[in-house]
Structures are given as structure tokens and as C-alpha cells.
PDB file of N, CA and C in Angstrom:
ATOM      1  N   MET A   1      25.197   4.050 -15.224  1.00  0.00           N
ATOM      2  CA  MET A   1      26.349   4.163 -14.342  1.00  0.00           C
ATOM      3  C   MET A   1      26.744   5.629 -14.201  1.00  0.00           C
ATOM      4  N   ILE A   2      27.041   6.007 -12.964  1.00  0.00           N
ATOM      5  CA  ILE A   2      27.549   7.351 -12.710  1.00  0.00           C
ATOM      6  C   ILE A   2      28.804   7.249 -11.853  1.00  0.00           C
ATOM      7  N   SER A   3      29.556   8.326 -11.843  1.00  0.00           N
ATOM      8  CA  SER A   3      30.753   8.434 -11.010  1.00  0.00           C
ATOM      9  C   SER A   3      30.749   9.811 -10.374  1.00  0.00           C
ATOM     10  N   GLN A   4      30.842   9.863  -9.048  1.00  0.00           N
ATOM     11  CA  GLN A   4      30.820  11.138  -8.338  1.00  0.00           C
ATOM     12  C   GLN A   4      32.035  11.275  -7.430  1.00  0.00           C
ATOM     13  N   HIS A   5      32.598  12.472  -7.443  1.00  0.00           N
ATOM     14  CA  HIS A   5      33.687  12.846  -6.534  1.00  0.00           C
ATOM     15  C   HIS A   5      33.019  13.555  -5.363  1.00  0.00           C
ATOM     16  N   ILE A   6      33.179  13.030  -4.160  1.00  0.00           N
ATOM     17  CA  ILE A   6      32.433  13.492  -2.990  1.00  0.00           C
ATOM     18  C   ILE A   6      33.395  13.833  -1.856  1.00  0.00           C
ATOM     19  N   VAL A   7      33.099  14.917  -1.132  1.00  0.00           N
ATOM     20  CA  VAL A   7      33.818  15.238   0.101  1.00  0.00           C
ATOM     21  C   VAL A   7      32.807  15.178   1.244  1.00  0.00           C
ATOM     22  N   VAL A   8      33.165  14.437   2.284  1.00  0.00           N
ATOM     23  CA  VAL A   8      32.317  14.299   3.466  1.00  0.00           C
ATOM     24  C   VAL A   8      32.936  15.142   4.573  1.00  0.00           C
ATOM     25  N   HIS A   9      32.160  16.097   5.084  1.00  0.00           N
ATOM     26  CA  HIS A   9      32.614  17.014   6.126  1.00  0.00           C
ATOM     27  C   HIS A   9      32.058  16.576   7.479  1.00  0.00           C
ATOM     28  N   GLY A  10      32.764  16.914   8.537  1.00  0.00           N
ATOM     29  CA  GLY A  10      32.307  16.632   9.891  1.00  0.00           C
ATOM     30  C   GLY A  10      33.359  15.866  10.669  1.00  0.00           C
ATOM     31  N   LYS A  11      32.909  15.178  11.709  1.00  0.00           N
ATOM     32  CA  LYS A  11      33.816  14.336  12.504  1.00  0.00           C
ATOM     33  C   LYS A  11      33.873  12.972  11.817  1.00  0.00           C
ATOM     34  N   VAL A  12      34.790  12.858  10.862  1.00  0.00           N
ATOM     35  CA  VAL A  12      34.840  11.661  10.027  1.00  0.00           C
ATOM     36  C   VAL A  12      36.227  11.018   9.978  1.00  0.00           C
ATOM     37  N   GLN A  13      37.168  11.547  10.742  1.00  0.00           N
ATOM     38  CA  GLN A  13      38.495  10.928  10.818  1.00  0.00           C
ATOM     39  C   GLN A  13      38.731  10.404  12.226  1.00  0.00           C
ATOM     40  N   GLY A  14      39.415   9.270  12.309  1.00  0.00           N
ATOM     41  CA  GLY A  14      39.718   8.670  13.599  1.00  0.00           C
ATOM     42  C   GLY A  14      38.550   7.936  14.231  1.00  0.00           C
ATOM     43  N   VAL A  15      37.515   7.668  13.438  1.00  0.00           N
ATOM     44  CA  VAL A  15      36.306   7.019  13.961  1.00  0.00           C
ATOM     45  C   VAL A  15      35.906   5.780  13.151  1.00  0.00           C
ATOM     46  N   GLY A  16      36.780   5.314  12.262  1.00  0.00           N
ATOM     47  CA  GLY A  16      36.477   4.137  11.451  1.00  0.00           C
ATOM     48  C   GLY A  16      35.588   4.408  10.256  1.00  0.00           C
ATOM     49  N   PHE A  17      35.482   5.678   9.868  1.00  0.00           N
ATOM     50  CA  PHE A  17      34.568   6.040   8.780  1.00  0.00           C
ATOM     51  C   PHE A  17      34.955   5.385   7.458  1.00  0.00           C
ATOM     52  N   ARG A  18      36.242   5.420   7.105  1.00  0.00           N
ATOM     53  CA  ARG A  18      36.661   4.877   5.803  1.00  0.00           C
ATOM     54  C   ARG A  18      36.363   3.388   5.686  1.00  0.00           C
ATOM     55  N   ALA A  19      36.670   2.633   6.732  1.00  0.00           N
ATOM     56  CA  ALA A  19      36.418   1.185   6.694  1.00  0.00           C
ATOM     57  C   ALA A  19      34.921   0.890   6.594  1.00  0.00           C
ATOM     58  N   THR A  20      34.120   1.645   7.337  1.00  0.00           N
ATOM     59  CA  THR A  20      32.677   1.456   7.278  1.00  0.00           C
ATOM     60  C   THR A  20      32.138   1.850   5.912  1.00  0.00           C
ATOM     61  N   ALA A  21      32.648   2.944   5.354  1.00  0.00           N
ATOM     62  CA  ALA A  21      32.224   3.373   4.016  1.00  0.00           C
ATOM     63  C   ALA A  21      32.582   2.317   2.978  1.00  0.00           C
ATOM     64  N   GLN A  22      33.766   1.736   3.106  1.00  0.00           N
ATOM     65  CA  GLN A  22      34.189   0.698   2.166  1.00  0.00           C
ATOM     66  C   GLN A  22      33.241  -0.505   2.234  1.00  0.00           C
ATOM     67  N   LEU A  23      32.931  -0.963   3.426  1.00  0.00           N
ATOM     68  CA  LEU A  23      32.026  -2.106   3.578  1.00  0.00           C
ATOM     69  C   LEU A  23      30.644  -1.807   3.014  1.00  0.00           C
ATOM     70  N   LYS A  24      30.123  -0.621   3.303  1.00  0.00           N
ATOM     71  CA  LYS A  24      28.789  -0.258   2.824  1.00  0.00           C
ATOM     72  C   LYS A  24      28.786  -0.105   1.308  1.00  0.00           C
ATOM     73  N   ALA A  25      29.821   0.522   0.751  1.00  0.00           N
ATOM     74  CA  ALA A  25      29.906   0.671  -0.708  1.00  0.00           C
ATOM     75  C   ALA A  25      29.928  -0.697  -1.381  1.00  0.00           C
ATOM     76  N   LYS A  26      30.711  -1.614  -0.829  1.00  0.00           N
ATOM     77  CA  LYS A  26      30.770  -2.968  -1.400  1.00  0.00           C
ATOM     78  C   LYS A  26      29.420  -3.668  -1.296  1.00  0.00           C
ATOM     79  N   SER A  27      28.683  -3.421  -0.215  1.00  0.00           N
ATOM     80  CA  SER A  27      27.370  -4.057  -0.060  1.00  0.00           C
ATOM     81  C   SER A  27      26.382  -3.566  -1.118  1.00  0.00           C
ATOM     82  N   TYR A  28      26.589  -2.358  -1.624  1.00  0.00           N
ATOM     83  CA  TYR A  28      25.770  -1.816  -2.713  1.00  0.00           C
ATOM     84  C   TYR A  28      26.341  -2.170  -4.087  1.00  0.00           C
ATOM     85  N   GLY A  29      27.481  -2.839  -4.119  1.00  0.00           N
ATOM     86  CA  GLY A  29      28.114  -3.179  -5.396  1.00  0.00           C
ATOM     87  C   GLY A  29      28.792  -1.998  -6.058  1.00  0.00           C
ATOM     88  N   LEU A  30      29.174  -0.988  -5.265  1.00  0.00           N
ATOM     89  CA  LEU A  30      29.805   0.212  -5.802  1.00  0.00           C
ATOM     90  C   LEU A  30      31.317   0.046  -5.847  1.00  0.00           C
ATOM     91  N   ASN A  31      31.941   0.788  -6.723  1.00  0.00           N
ATOM     92  CA  ASN A  31      33.395   0.785  -6.863  1.00  0.00           C
ATOM     93  C   ASN A  31      33.927   2.194  -6.656  1.00  0.00           C
ATOM     94  N   GLY A  32      35.241   2.300  -6.432  1.00  0.00           N
ATOM     95  CA  GLY A  32      35.885   3.602  -6.267  1.00  0.00           C
ATOM     96  C   GLY A  32      36.903   3.554  -5.150  1.00  0.00           C
ATOM     97  N   TRP A  33      37.001   4.670  -4.418  1.00  0.00           N
ATOM     98  CA  TRP A  33      37.972   4.757  -3.329  1.00  0.00           C
ATOM     99  C   TRP A  33      37.526   5.787  -2.302  1.00  0.00           C
ATOM    100  N   VAL A  34      38.161   5.707  -1.119  1.00  0.00           N
ATOM    101  CA  VAL A  34      37.905   6.653  -0.034  1.00  0.00           C
ATOM    102  C   VAL A  34      39.237   6.945   0.648  1.00  0.00           C
ATOM    103  N   LYS A  35      39.449   8.207   1.054  1.00  0.00           N
ATOM    104  CA  LYS A  35      40.684   8.559   1.758  1.00  0.00           C
ATOM    105  C   LYS A  35      40.455   9.768   2.650  1.00  0.00           C
ATOM    106  N   ASN A  36      41.297   9.889   3.677  1.00  0.00           N
ATOM    107  CA  ASN A  36      41.302  11.075   4.528  1.00  0.00           C
ATOM    108  C   ASN A  36      41.967  12.224   3.782  1.00  0.00           C
ATOM    109  N   THR A  37      41.550  13.443   4.107  1.00  0.00           N
ATOM    110  CA  THR A  37      42.197  14.631   3.559  1.00  0.00           C
ATOM    111  C   THR A  37      42.953  15.337   4.683  1.00  0.00           C
ATOM    112  N   ASN A  38      43.849  16.220   4.311  1.00  0.00           N
ATOM    113  CA  ASN A  38      44.652  16.947   5.302  1.00  0.00           C
ATOM    114  C   ASN A  38      43.834  17.919   6.142  1.00  0.00           C
ATOM    115  N   ASP A  39      42.647  18.295   5.662  1.00  0.00           N
ATOM    116  CA  ASP A  39      41.823  19.265   6.391  1.00  0.00           C
ATOM    117  C   ASP A  39      40.789  18.614   7.311  1.00  0.00           C
ATOM    118  N   GLY A  40      40.899  17.297   7.536  1.00  0.00           N
ATOM    119  CA  GLY A  40      40.014  16.623   8.482  1.00  0.00           C
ATOM    120  C   GLY A  40      38.760  16.025   7.890  1.00  0.00           C
ATOM    121  N   ASN A  41      38.600  16.129   6.588  1.00  0.00           N
ATOM    122  CA  ASN A  41      37.436  15.563   5.922  1.00  0.00           C
ATOM    123  C   ASN A  41      37.790  14.223   5.300  1.00  0.00           C
ATOM    124  N   VAL A  42      36.837  13.635   4.606  1.00  0.00           N
ATOM    125  CA  VAL A  42      37.054  12.399   3.863  1.00  0.00           C
ATOM    126  C   VAL A  42      36.620  12.645   2.425  1.00  0.00           C
ATOM    127  N   GLU A  43      37.444  12.185   1.508  1.00  0.00           N
ATOM    128  CA  GLU A  43      37.189  12.348   0.079  1.00  0.00           C
ATOM    129  C   GLU A  43      36.954  10.964  -0.512  1.00  0.00           C
ATOM    130  N   MET A  44      36.046  10.875  -1.481  1.00  0.00           N
ATOM    131  CA  MET A  44      35.806   9.593  -2.135  1.00  0.00           C
ATOM    132  C   MET A  44      35.348   9.779  -3.572  1.00  0.00           C
ATOM    133  N   VAL A  45      35.592   8.765  -4.365  1.00  0.00           N
ATOM    134  CA  VAL A  45      35.004   8.643  -5.692  1.00  0.00           C
ATOM    135  C   VAL A  45      34.157   7.385  -5.647  1.00  0.00           C
ATOM    136  N   VAL A  46      32.901   7.528  -6.040  1.00  0.00           N
ATOM    137  CA  VAL A  46      31.948   6.424  -5.975  1.00  0.00           C
ATOM    138  C   VAL A  46      31.349   6.214  -7.354  1.00  0.00           C
ATOM    139  N   GLU A  47      31.393   4.969  -7.828  1.00  0.00           N
ATOM    140  CA  GLU A  47      30.845   4.625  -9.139  1.00  0.00           C
ATOM    141  C   GLU A  47      29.855   3.475  -9.019  1.00  0.00           C
ATOM    142  N   GLY A  48      28.793   3.581  -9.796  1.00  0.00           N
ATOM    143  CA  GLY A  48      27.814   2.505  -9.849  1.00  0.00           C
ATOM    144  C   GLY A  48      26.509   3.017 -10.412  1.00  0.00           C
ATOM    145  N   PRO A  49      25.479   2.184 -10.377  1.00  0.00           N
ATOM    146  CA  PRO A  49      24.162   2.632 -10.822  1.00  0.00           C
ATOM    147  C   PRO A  49      23.699   3.832  -9.988  1.00  0.00           C
ATOM    148  N   GLU A  50      23.071   4.792 -10.643  1.00  0.00           N
ATOM    149  CA  GLU A  50      22.693   6.035  -9.962  1.00  0.00           C
ATOM    150  C   GLU A  50      21.881   5.787  -8.698  1.00  0.00           C
ATOM    151  N   GLU A  51      20.913   4.861  -8.746  1.00  0.00           N
ATOM    152  CA  GLU A  51      20.067   4.630  -7.569  1.00  0.00           C
ATOM    153  C   GLU A  51      20.879   4.070  -6.397  1.00  0.00           C
ATOM    154  N   ASP A  52      21.900   3.280  -6.678  1.00  0.00           N
ATOM    155  CA  ASP A  52      22.740   2.737  -5.611  1.00  0.00           C
ATOM    156  C   ASP A  52      23.683   3.794  -5.036  1.00  0.00           C
ATOM    157  N   VAL A  53      24.220   4.655  -5.892  1.00  0.00           N
ATOM    158  CA  VAL A  53      25.069   5.754  -5.416  1.00  0.00           C
ATOM    159  C   VAL A  53      24.244   6.688  -4.527  1.00  0.00           C
ATOM    160  N   GLU A  54      23.027   7.004  -4.955  1.00  0.00           N
ATOM    161  CA  GLU A  54      22.165   7.889  -4.160  1.00  0.00           C
ATOM    162  C   GLU A  54      21.795   7.245  -2.822  1.00  0.00           C
ATOM    163  N   ALA A  55      21.510   5.942  -2.825  1.00  0.00           N
ATOM    164  CA  ALA A  55      21.190   5.237  -1.578  1.00  0.00           C
ATOM    165  C   ALA A  55      22.394   5.243  -0.638  1.00  0.00           C
ATOM    166  N   PHE A  56      23.583   5.028  -1.178  1.00  0.00           N
ATOM    167  CA  PHE A  56      24.818   5.057  -0.387  1.00  0.00           C
ATOM    168  C   PHE A  56      25.006   6.433   0.251  1.00  0.00           C
ATOM    169  N   LYS A  57      24.795   7.493  -0.521  1.00  0.00           N
ATOM    170  CA  LYS A  57      24.933   8.851   0.019  1.00  0.00           C
ATOM    171  C   LYS A  57      23.903   9.112   1.122  1.00  0.00           C
ATOM    172  N   SER A  58      22.703   8.599   0.963  1.00  0.00           N
ATOM    173  CA  SER A  58      21.677   8.766   2.002  1.00  0.00           C
ATOM    174  C   SER A  58      22.089   8.082   3.298  1.00  0.00           C
ATOM    175  N   VAL A  59      22.648   6.878   3.188  1.00  0.00           N
ATOM    176  CA  VAL A  59      23.108   6.153   4.377  1.00  0.00           C
ATOM    177  C   VAL A  59      24.221   6.934   5.075  1.00  0.00           C
ATOM    178  N   ILE A  60      25.120   7.529   4.300  1.00  0.00           N
ATOM    179  CA  ILE A  60      26.195   8.336   4.889  1.00  0.00           C
ATOM    180  C   ILE A  60      25.602   9.487   5.701  1.00  0.00           C
ATOM    181  N   MET A  61      24.632  10.180   5.137  1.00  0.00           N
ATOM    182  CA  MET A  61      24.038  11.326   5.827  1.00  0.00           C
ATOM    183  C   MET A  61      23.221  10.900   7.050  1.00  0.00           C
ATOM    184  N   GLU A  62      22.589   9.733   6.983  1.00  0.00           N
ATOM    185  CA  GLU A  62      21.730   9.277   8.083  1.00  0.00           C
ATOM    186  C   GLU A  62      22.520   8.686   9.247  1.00  0.00           C
ATOM    187  N   GLY A  63      23.781   8.352   9.021  1.00  0.00           N
ATOM    188  CA  GLY A  63      24.580   7.803  10.110  1.00  0.00           C
ATOM    189  C   GLY A  63      25.211   6.474   9.755  1.00  0.00           C
ATOM    190  N   LEU A  64      26.138   6.504   8.860  1.00  0.00           N
ATOM    191  CA  LEU A  64      26.855   5.311   8.414  1.00  0.00           C
ATOM    192  C   LEU A  64      27.579   4.637   9.567  1.00  0.00           C
ATOM    193  N   ASN A  65      28.092   5.446  10.472  1.00  0.00           N
ATOM    194  CA  ASN A  65      28.948   4.959  11.548  1.00  0.00           C
ATOM    195  C   ASN A  65      28.531   5.687  12.827  1.00  0.00           C
ATOM    196  N   PRO A  66      28.260   4.973  13.917  1.00  0.00           N
ATOM    197  CA  PRO A  66      27.779   5.644  15.132  1.00  0.00           C
ATOM    198  C   PRO A  66      28.789   6.598  15.769  1.00  0.00           C
ATOM    199  N   PHE A  67      30.064   6.473  15.414  1.00  0.00           N
ATOM    200  CA  PHE A  67      31.092   7.344  15.987  1.00  0.00           C
ATOM    201  C   PHE A  67      31.357   8.576  15.132  1.00  0.00           C
ATOM    202  N   ALA A  68      30.895   8.551  13.895  1.00  0.00           N
ATOM    203  CA  ALA A  68      31.093   9.675  12.974  1.00  0.00           C
ATOM    204  C   ALA A  68      29.918  10.637  13.080  1.00  0.00           C
ATOM    205  N   LYS A  69      30.175  11.891  12.779  1.00  0.00           N
ATOM    206  CA  LYS A  69      29.116  12.905  12.747  1.00  0.00           C
ATOM    207  C   LYS A  69      29.293  13.691  11.455  1.00  0.00           C
ATOM    208  N   VAL A  70      28.507  13.345  10.446  1.00  0.00           N
ATOM    209  CA  VAL A  70      28.593  14.000   9.140  1.00  0.00           C
ATOM    210  C   VAL A  70      27.790  15.288   9.184  1.00  0.00           C
ATOM    211  N   SER A  71      28.443  16.394   8.847  1.00  0.00           N
ATOM    212  CA  SER A  71      27.750  17.679   8.815  1.00  0.00           C
ATOM    213  C   SER A  71      27.344  18.070   7.399  1.00  0.00           C
ATOM    214  N   LYS A  72      28.063  17.556   6.412  1.00  0.00           N
ATOM    215  CA  LYS A  72      27.785  17.951   5.027  1.00  0.00           C
ATOM    216  C   LYS A  72      28.386  16.916   4.086  1.00  0.00           C
ATOM    217  N   LEU A  73      27.650  16.616   3.031  1.00  0.00           N
ATOM    218  CA  LEU A  73      28.139  15.748   1.968  1.00  0.00           C
ATOM    219  C   LEU A  73      28.142  16.593   0.700  1.00  0.00           C
ATOM    220  N   GLU A  74      29.308  16.833   0.168  1.00  0.00           N
ATOM    221  CA  GLU A  74      29.475  17.751  -0.959  1.00  0.00           C
ATOM    222  C   GLU A  74      29.903  16.983  -2.208  1.00  0.00           C
ATOM    223  N   VAL A  75      29.027  16.989  -3.229  1.00  0.00           N
ATOM    224  CA  VAL A  75      29.393  16.385  -4.508  1.00  0.00           C
ATOM    225  C   VAL A  75      30.204  17.423  -5.269  1.00  0.00           C
ATOM    226  N   ILE A  76      31.498  17.142  -5.419  1.00  0.00           N
ATOM    227  CA  ILE A  76      32.418  18.073  -6.060  1.00  0.00           C
ATOM    228  C   ILE A  76      32.255  18.057  -7.566  1.00  0.00           C
ATOM    229  N   ASP A  77      32.073  16.877  -8.129  1.00  0.00           N
ATOM    230  CA  ASP A  77      32.067  16.769  -9.582  1.00  0.00           C
ATOM    231  C   ASP A  77      31.428  15.460 -10.000  1.00  0.00           C
ATOM    232  N   GLN A  78      30.818  15.492 -11.165  1.00  0.00           N
ATOM    233  CA  GLN A  78      30.402  14.277 -11.847  1.00  0.00           C
ATOM    234  C   GLN A  78      31.554  13.911 -12.762  1.00  0.00           C
ATOM    235  N   LEU A  79      31.987  12.691 -12.716  1.00  0.00           N
ATOM    236  CA  LEU A  79      33.153  12.262 -13.480  1.00  0.00           C
ATOM    237  C   LEU A  79      32.753  11.266 -14.559  1.00  0.00           C
ATOM    238  N   GLU A  80      33.651  11.084 -15.519  1.00  0.00           N
ATOM    239  CA  GLU A  80      33.477   9.975 -16.445  1.00  0.00           C
ATOM    240  C   GLU A  80      33.689   8.695 -15.663  1.00  0.00           C
ATOM    241  N   VAL A  81      32.910   7.691 -15.960  1.00  0.00           N
ATOM    242  CA  VAL A  81      33.050   6.411 -15.269  1.00  0.00           C
ATOM    243  C   VAL A  81      34.397   5.801 -15.634  1.00  0.00           C
ATOM    244  N   SER A  82      35.176   5.464 -14.619  1.00  0.00           N
ATOM    245  CA  SER A  82      36.531   4.942 -14.823  1.00  0.00           C
ATOM    246  C   SER A  82      36.591   3.426 -14.794  1.00  0.00           C
ATOM    247  N   ARG A  83      35.514   2.812 -14.392  1.00  0.00           N
ATOM    248  CA  ARG A  83      35.464   1.350 -14.315  1.00  0.00           C
ATOM    249  C   ARG A  83      36.440   0.784 -13.293  1.00  0.00           C
ATOM    250  N   PHE A  84      36.400   1.342 -12.087  1.00  0.00           N
ATOM    251  CA  PHE A  84      37.141   0.724 -10.989  1.00  0.00           C
ATOM    252  C   PHE A  84      36.596  -0.692 -10.810  1.00  0.00           C
ATOM    253  N   ASP A  85      37.419  -1.597 -10.330  1.00  0.00           N
ATOM    254  CA  ASP A  85      36.938  -2.966 -10.149  1.00  0.00           C
ATOM    255  C   ASP A  85      36.766  -3.339  -8.678  1.00  0.00           C
ATOM    256  N   ASP A  86      36.853  -2.351  -7.788  1.00  0.00           N
ATOM    257  CA  ASP A  86      36.727  -2.602  -6.360  1.00  0.00           C
ATOM    258  C   ASP A  86      36.513  -1.257  -5.664  1.00  0.00           C
ATOM    259  N   PHE A  87      36.259  -1.283  -4.366  1.00  0.00           N
ATOM    260  CA  PHE A  87      36.189  -0.058  -3.572  1.00  0.00           C
ATOM    261  C   PHE A  87      37.304  -0.136  -2.546  1.00  0.00           C
ATOM    262  N   GLN A  88      38.276   0.756  -2.655  1.00  0.00           N
ATOM    263  CA  GLN A  88      39.489   0.672  -1.852  1.00  0.00           C
ATOM    264  C   GLN A  88      39.649   1.866  -0.914  1.00  0.00           C
ATOM    265  N   ILE A  89      40.368   1.631   0.167  1.00  0.00           N
ATOM    266  CA  ILE A  89      40.799   2.710   1.053  1.00  0.00           C
ATOM    267  C   ILE A  89      42.170   3.148   0.572  1.00  0.00           C
ATOM    268  N   LYS A  90      42.300   4.447   0.303  1.00  0.00           N
ATOM    269  CA  LYS A  90      43.604   5.000  -0.072  1.00  0.00           C
ATOM    270  C   LYS A  90      44.249   5.601   1.166  1.00  0.00           C
ATOM    271  N   TYR A  91      45.567   5.493   1.235  1.00  0.00           N
ATOM    272  CA  TYR A  91      46.325   6.047   2.360  1.00  0.00           C
ATOM    273  C   TYR A  91      47.277   7.107   1.872  1.00  0.00           C
TER     274      TYR A  91
END
């Protein structure tokens, strides 16, 4: 199990990115949260088996949402696993 703090840069607000990310994360069995930031990016913490977290990040970069345009996915930090029990959208 790993936990990563990630910032997604690009056109990722106002396009349904958080809801799509939540659905995709749940489909991989991942836990954590996703939220918009004040600077126009999206921030998330993703926890789960390393191969599933990496697959989720690949899907984000390849085009998770047809209305979003991801320019960069930045892993800010590796965190201790917190054992979230769901993947939530924070407001």
C-alpha cells in the first residue's frame, strides 16, 4: 500500500474532473480525496496498492475526462498510509 499527495495541473476545474477522478479511483479500489485548489489546479491524496495508484495516474495523464486537459501530474509527497475508507470529493 502506498499513499501519494498529487497536484494535477492544466484545465481541470469546471469540467467535471473531480467527479470523474472519484469514479475512476473507486473503480481501482483506491481511497483518499480530491479537491479544487485556489490556483486552478486539482489536489488529491490517493491510497492503495502501488500498481493501482500508478495505473490511476496513467489514466489521468492519458485523458481521464474528455473536457479536461492535464498538462502535468506532480507527486508532491509520499505519505504514510492513513487508511481512508472511501474516495471523497472535498469542497
